[in-house]
Amino acid sequence: MSKLIAPTLTLVLALASQATAAGDPAKGEKLYNRCSSCHAIIKDGEVLVKGGITGPNLYGVVGRVAGSENDYRYGSERLPVGMFTDDMIRAGEEGLIWTEENIAAYSQNPIVYIQEFLDDKTARPNMSVKLKKGAEDIAAYLATFTAQ
């Protein structure tokens, strides 16, 4: 019986976090320029939203395991190998899957978010920019780019 509790709780929390995400994708699209200095949105080689070359591709980020985006993990023409800390990969290996809610929380204070998730005060993600406003809207906008 106890083997069912953790998976059930995980599912309930995931559904609850999706239900409580209150972002507005239209507002997020207007605010996305805060992210585009580092991140692009690219689907199958087609650039949907232009952006920088220092952050991982955000296409399909909602529902993706943290630190698992192919360019982030293995490098590409966009992103050199070894550019990122292993802490984001470790967060993914320890169960961090991006949702609208946790993207918004992460975006508001990336360093503290990863430190708390990993329970490691030395952990550091590469993103240090803090979004004081609009993080929920940007997360909702990113959710419109789902991998299908």
C-alpha atoms as a PDB file:
ATOM      1  CA  MET A   1       0.000   0.000   0.000  1.00  0.00           C
ATOM      2  CA  SER A   2       2.755   2.481   0.916  1.00  0.00           C
ATOM      3  CA  LYS A   3       4.364   1.949  -2.500  1.00  0.00           C
ATOM      4  CA  LEU A   4       1.351   3.692  -4.029  1.00  0.00           C
ATOM      5  CA  ILE A   5       1.462   6.760  -1.811  1.00  0.00           C
ATOM      6  CA  ALA A   6       4.500   8.499  -3.362  1.00  0.00           C
ATOM      7  CA  PRO A   7       3.415   8.092  -7.018  1.00  0.00           C
ATOM      8  CA  THR A   8      -0.134   9.121  -6.158  1.00  0.00           C
ATOM      9  CA  LEU A   9       1.063  12.170  -4.242  1.00  0.00           C
ATOM     10  CA  THR A  10       3.346  13.130  -7.130  1.00  0.00           C
ATOM     11  CA  LEU A  11       0.441  12.911  -9.576  1.00  0.00           C
ATOM     12  CA  VAL A  12      -1.865  14.925  -7.333  1.00  0.00           C
ATOM     13  CA  LEU A  13       0.774  17.629  -6.842  1.00  0.00           C
ATOM     14  CA  ALA A  14       1.479  17.796 -10.570  1.00  0.00           C
ATOM     15  CA  LEU A  15      -2.204  18.180 -11.379  1.00  0.00           C
ATOM     16  CA  ALA A  16      -2.652  20.747  -8.634  1.00  0.00           C
ATOM     17  CA  SER A  17       0.306  22.792  -9.847  1.00  0.00           C
ATOM     18  CA  GLN A  18      -1.127  22.834 -13.366  1.00  0.00           C
ATOM     19  CA  ALA A  19      -4.492  23.910 -12.034  1.00  0.00           C
ATOM     20  CA  THR A  20      -3.003  26.749  -9.960  1.00  0.00           C
ATOM     21  CA  ALA A  21      -0.766  28.188 -12.687  1.00  0.00           C
ATOM     22  CA  ALA A  22      -2.403  31.539 -13.294  1.00  0.00           C
ATOM     23  CA  GLY A  23      -0.274  33.019 -16.046  1.00  0.00           C
ATOM     24  CA  ASP A  24      -1.506  34.786 -19.153  1.00  0.00           C
ATOM     25  CA  PRO A  25       0.271  33.547 -22.318  1.00  0.00           C
ATOM     26  CA  ALA A  26      -0.474  36.767 -24.243  1.00  0.00           C
ATOM     27  CA  LYS A  27       1.182  38.851 -21.537  1.00  0.00           C
ATOM     28  CA  GLY A  28       4.014  36.323 -21.387  1.00  0.00           C
ATOM     29  CA  GLU A  29       4.680  36.690 -25.102  1.00  0.00           C
ATOM     30  CA  LYS A  30       5.156  40.436 -24.605  1.00  0.00           C
ATOM     31  CA  LEU A  31       7.460  39.842 -21.632  1.00  0.00           C
ATOM     32  CA  TYR A  32       9.492  37.051 -23.234  1.00  0.00           C
ATOM     33  CA  ASN A  33      12.134  39.526 -24.416  1.00  0.00           C
ATOM     34  CA  ARG A  34      13.543  39.229 -20.877  1.00  0.00           C
ATOM     35  CA  CYS A  35      14.375  35.605 -21.709  1.00  0.00           C
ATOM     36  CA  SER A  36      15.322  35.911 -25.367  1.00  0.00           C
ATOM     37  CA  SER A  37      18.716  37.438 -24.645  1.00  0.00           C
ATOM     38  CA  CYS A  38      19.774  33.909 -23.621  1.00  0.00           C
ATOM     39  CA  HIS A  39      17.064  31.511 -24.852  1.00  0.00           C
ATOM     40  CA  ALA A  40      15.559  30.710 -28.234  1.00  0.00           C
ATOM     41  CA  ILE A  41      12.509  28.582 -29.003  1.00  0.00           C
ATOM     42  CA  ILE A  42      13.391  26.115 -31.760  1.00  0.00           C
ATOM     43  CA  LYS A  43      11.343  23.179 -33.022  1.00  0.00           C
ATOM     44  CA  ASP A  44      13.032  20.597 -35.253  1.00  0.00           C
ATOM     45  CA  GLY A  45      15.628  23.119 -36.402  1.00  0.00           C
ATOM     46  CA  GLU A  46      13.038  25.822 -37.162  1.00  0.00           C
ATOM     47  CA  VAL A  47      13.489  28.971 -35.089  1.00  0.00           C
ATOM     48  CA  LEU A  48      10.042  29.869 -33.773  1.00  0.00           C
ATOM     49  CA  VAL A  49      11.266  32.658 -31.507  1.00  0.00           C
ATOM     50  CA  LYS A  50      14.726  34.143 -31.969  1.00  0.00           C
ATOM     51  CA  GLY A  51      16.970  34.320 -28.977  1.00  0.00           C
ATOM     52  CA  GLY A  52      20.440  34.137 -27.578  1.00  0.00           C
ATOM     53  CA  ILE A  53      22.900  31.296 -27.623  1.00  0.00           C
ATOM     54  CA  THR A  54      23.756  31.029 -23.947  1.00  0.00           C
ATOM     55  CA  GLY A  55      20.639  29.245 -22.661  1.00  0.00           C
ATOM     56  CA  PRO A  56      18.932  26.004 -23.599  1.00  0.00           C
ATOM     57  CA  ASN A  57      16.176  25.847 -26.188  1.00  0.00           C
ATOM     58  CA  LEU A  58      12.858  26.411 -24.424  1.00  0.00           C
ATOM     59  CA  TYR A  59      10.691  24.546 -26.932  1.00  0.00           C
ATOM     60  CA  GLY A  60       8.875  21.838 -24.994  1.00  0.00           C
ATOM     61  CA  VAL A  61      10.294  22.946 -21.645  1.00  0.00           C
ATOM     62  CA  VAL A  62       7.005  22.354 -19.811  1.00  0.00           C
ATOM     63  CA  GLY A  63       6.999  18.660 -19.001  1.00  0.00           C
ATOM     64  CA  ARG A  64      10.725  18.223 -19.640  1.00  0.00           C
ATOM     65  CA  VAL A  65      13.222  16.911 -17.100  1.00  0.00           C
ATOM     66  CA  ALA A  66      15.504  19.724 -15.938  1.00  0.00           C
ATOM     67  CA  GLY A  67      18.957  19.727 -17.522  1.00  0.00           C
ATOM     68  CA  SER A  68      17.954  17.240 -20.213  1.00  0.00           C
ATOM     69  CA  GLU A  69      17.552  19.470 -23.270  1.00  0.00           C
ATOM     70  CA  ASN A  70      19.839  17.971 -25.904  1.00  0.00           C
ATOM     71  CA  ASP A  71      21.920  21.088 -26.648  1.00  0.00           C
ATOM     72  CA  TYR A  72      22.234  21.805 -22.926  1.00  0.00           C
ATOM     73  CA  ARG A  73      23.389  18.303 -22.153  1.00  0.00           C
ATOM     74  CA  TYR A  74      25.601  17.511 -25.151  1.00  0.00           C
ATOM     75  CA  GLY A  75      26.368  20.836 -26.811  1.00  0.00           C
ATOM     76  CA  SER A  76      25.651  21.999 -30.344  1.00  0.00           C
ATOM     77  CA  GLU A  77      26.403  24.830 -32.735  1.00  0.00           C
ATOM     78  CA  ARG A  78      24.303  26.980 -30.391  1.00  0.00           C
ATOM     79  CA  LEU A  79      25.732  25.846 -27.077  1.00  0.00           C
ATOM     80  CA  PRO A  80      29.258  24.638 -26.420  1.00  0.00           C
ATOM     81  CA  VAL A  81      29.736  21.518 -24.292  1.00  0.00           C
ATOM     82  CA  GLY A  82      30.691  22.248 -20.710  1.00  0.00           C
ATOM     83  CA  MET A  83      29.026  25.627 -20.643  1.00  0.00           C
ATOM     84  CA  PHE A  84      26.588  24.679 -17.895  1.00  0.00           C
ATOM     85  CA  THR A  85      26.850  23.616 -14.292  1.00  0.00           C
ATOM     86  CA  ASP A  86      26.093  20.041 -13.400  1.00  0.00           C
ATOM     87  CA  ASP A  87      23.624  21.185 -10.738  1.00  0.00           C
ATOM     88  CA  MET A  88      20.741  21.566 -13.197  1.00  0.00           C
ATOM     89  CA  ILE A  89      21.465  18.109 -14.600  1.00  0.00           C
ATOM     90  CA  ARG A  90      21.587  16.801 -11.026  1.00  0.00           C
ATOM     91  CA  ALA A  91      18.227  18.464 -10.277  1.00  0.00           C
ATOM     92  CA  GLY A  92      16.730  16.627 -13.247  1.00  0.00           C
ATOM     93  CA  GLU A  93      18.258  13.358 -12.123  1.00  0.00           C
ATOM     94  CA  GLU A  94      16.709  13.972  -8.690  1.00  0.00           C
ATOM     95  CA  GLY A  95      13.241  14.463 -10.178  1.00  0.00           C
ATOM     96  CA  LEU A  96      12.838  18.090 -11.246  1.00  0.00           C
ATOM     97  CA  ILE A  97      10.369  18.172 -14.115  1.00  0.00           C
ATOM     98  CA  TRP A  98       9.433  21.618 -15.388  1.00  0.00           C
ATOM     99  CA  THR A  99       5.838  22.752 -14.889  1.00  0.00           C
ATOM    100  CA  GLU A 100       4.385  26.213 -15.377  1.00  0.00           C
ATOM    101  CA  GLU A 101       4.356  26.691 -11.627  1.00  0.00           C
ATOM    102  CA  ASN A 102       7.957  25.708 -10.951  1.00  0.00           C
ATOM    103  CA  ILE A 103       9.256  27.580 -14.030  1.00  0.00           C
ATOM    104  CA  ALA A 104       7.642  30.710 -12.576  1.00  0.00           C
ATOM    105  CA  ALA A 105       9.120  30.039  -9.118  1.00  0.00           C
ATOM    106  CA  TYR A 106      12.557  29.241 -10.569  1.00  0.00           C
ATOM    107  CA  SER A 107      12.507  32.395 -12.700  1.00  0.00           C
ATOM    108  CA  GLN A 108      11.880  34.570  -9.675  1.00  0.00           C
ATOM    109  CA  ASN A 109      15.052  33.371  -7.927  1.00  0.00           C
ATOM    110  CA  PRO A 110      16.952  30.621  -9.794  1.00  0.00           C
ATOM    111  CA  ILE A 111      19.824  30.176  -7.350  1.00  0.00           C
ATOM    112  CA  VAL A 112      17.642  29.825  -4.259  1.00  0.00           C
ATOM    113  CA  TYR A 113      15.188  27.569  -6.125  1.00  0.00           C
ATOM    114  CA  ILE A 114      17.899  25.077  -7.143  1.00  0.00           C
ATOM    115  CA  GLN A 115      19.608  25.237  -3.753  1.00  0.00           C
ATOM    116  CA  GLU A 116      16.335  24.404  -2.016  1.00  0.00           C
ATOM    117  CA  PHE A 117      15.384  21.712  -4.519  1.00  0.00           C
ATOM    118  CA  LEU A 118      18.741  19.988  -4.140  1.00  0.00           C
ATOM    119  CA  ASP A 119      19.056  20.825  -0.427  1.00  0.00           C
ATOM    120  CA  ASP A 120      22.555  22.072  -1.245  1.00  0.00           C
ATOM    121  CA  LYS A 121      23.585  25.648  -0.423  1.00  0.00           C
ATOM    122  CA  THR A 122      26.496  25.394  -2.872  1.00  0.00           C
ATOM    123  CA  ALA A 123      24.317  24.456  -5.876  1.00  0.00           C
ATOM    124  CA  ARG A 124      24.255  26.966  -8.721  1.00  0.00           C
ATOM    125  CA  PRO A 125      22.247  27.059 -11.930  1.00  0.00           C
ATOM    126  CA  ASN A 126      23.623  29.094 -14.807  1.00  0.00           C
ATOM    127  CA  MET A 127      20.670  31.473 -14.763  1.00  0.00           C
ATOM    128  CA  SER A 128      21.049  34.242 -12.228  1.00  0.00           C
ATOM    129  CA  VAL A 129      18.528  36.729 -13.654  1.00  0.00           C
ATOM    130  CA  LYS A 130      15.560  37.219 -11.344  1.00  0.00           C
ATOM    131  CA  LEU A 131      12.154  38.067 -12.801  1.00  0.00           C
ATOM    132  CA  LYS A 132      10.394  40.260 -10.284  1.00  0.00           C
ATOM    133  CA  LYS A 133       7.185  40.456 -12.339  1.00  0.00           C
ATOM    134  CA  GLY A 134       5.568  38.391 -15.048  1.00  0.00           C
ATOM    135  CA  ALA A 135       7.178  35.021 -14.347  1.00  0.00           C
ATOM    136  CA  GLU A 136       3.770  33.268 -14.314  1.00  0.00           C
ATOM    137  CA  ASP A 137       2.877  34.875 -17.642  1.00  0.00           C
ATOM    138  CA  ILE A 138       6.170  33.859 -19.259  1.00  0.00           C
ATOM    139  CA  ALA A 139       5.710  30.301 -17.973  1.00  0.00           C
ATOM    140  CA  ALA A 140       2.204  30.218 -19.477  1.00  0.00           C
ATOM    141  CA  TYR A 141       3.633  31.469 -22.789  1.00  0.00           C
ATOM    142  CA  LEU A 142       6.302  28.763 -22.748  1.00  0.00           C
ATOM    143  CA  ALA A 143       3.571  26.169 -22.149  1.00  0.00           C
ATOM    144  CA  THR A 144       2.134  27.046 -25.569  1.00  0.00           C
ATOM    145  CA  PHE A 145       5.274  25.525 -27.117  1.00  0.00           C
ATOM    146  CA  THR A 146       4.700  21.905 -26.215  1.00  0.00           C
ATOM    147  CA  ALA A 147       6.576  18.992 -27.727  1.00  0.00           C
ATOM    148  CA  GLN A 148       4.034  16.847 -29.545  1.00  0.00           C
END
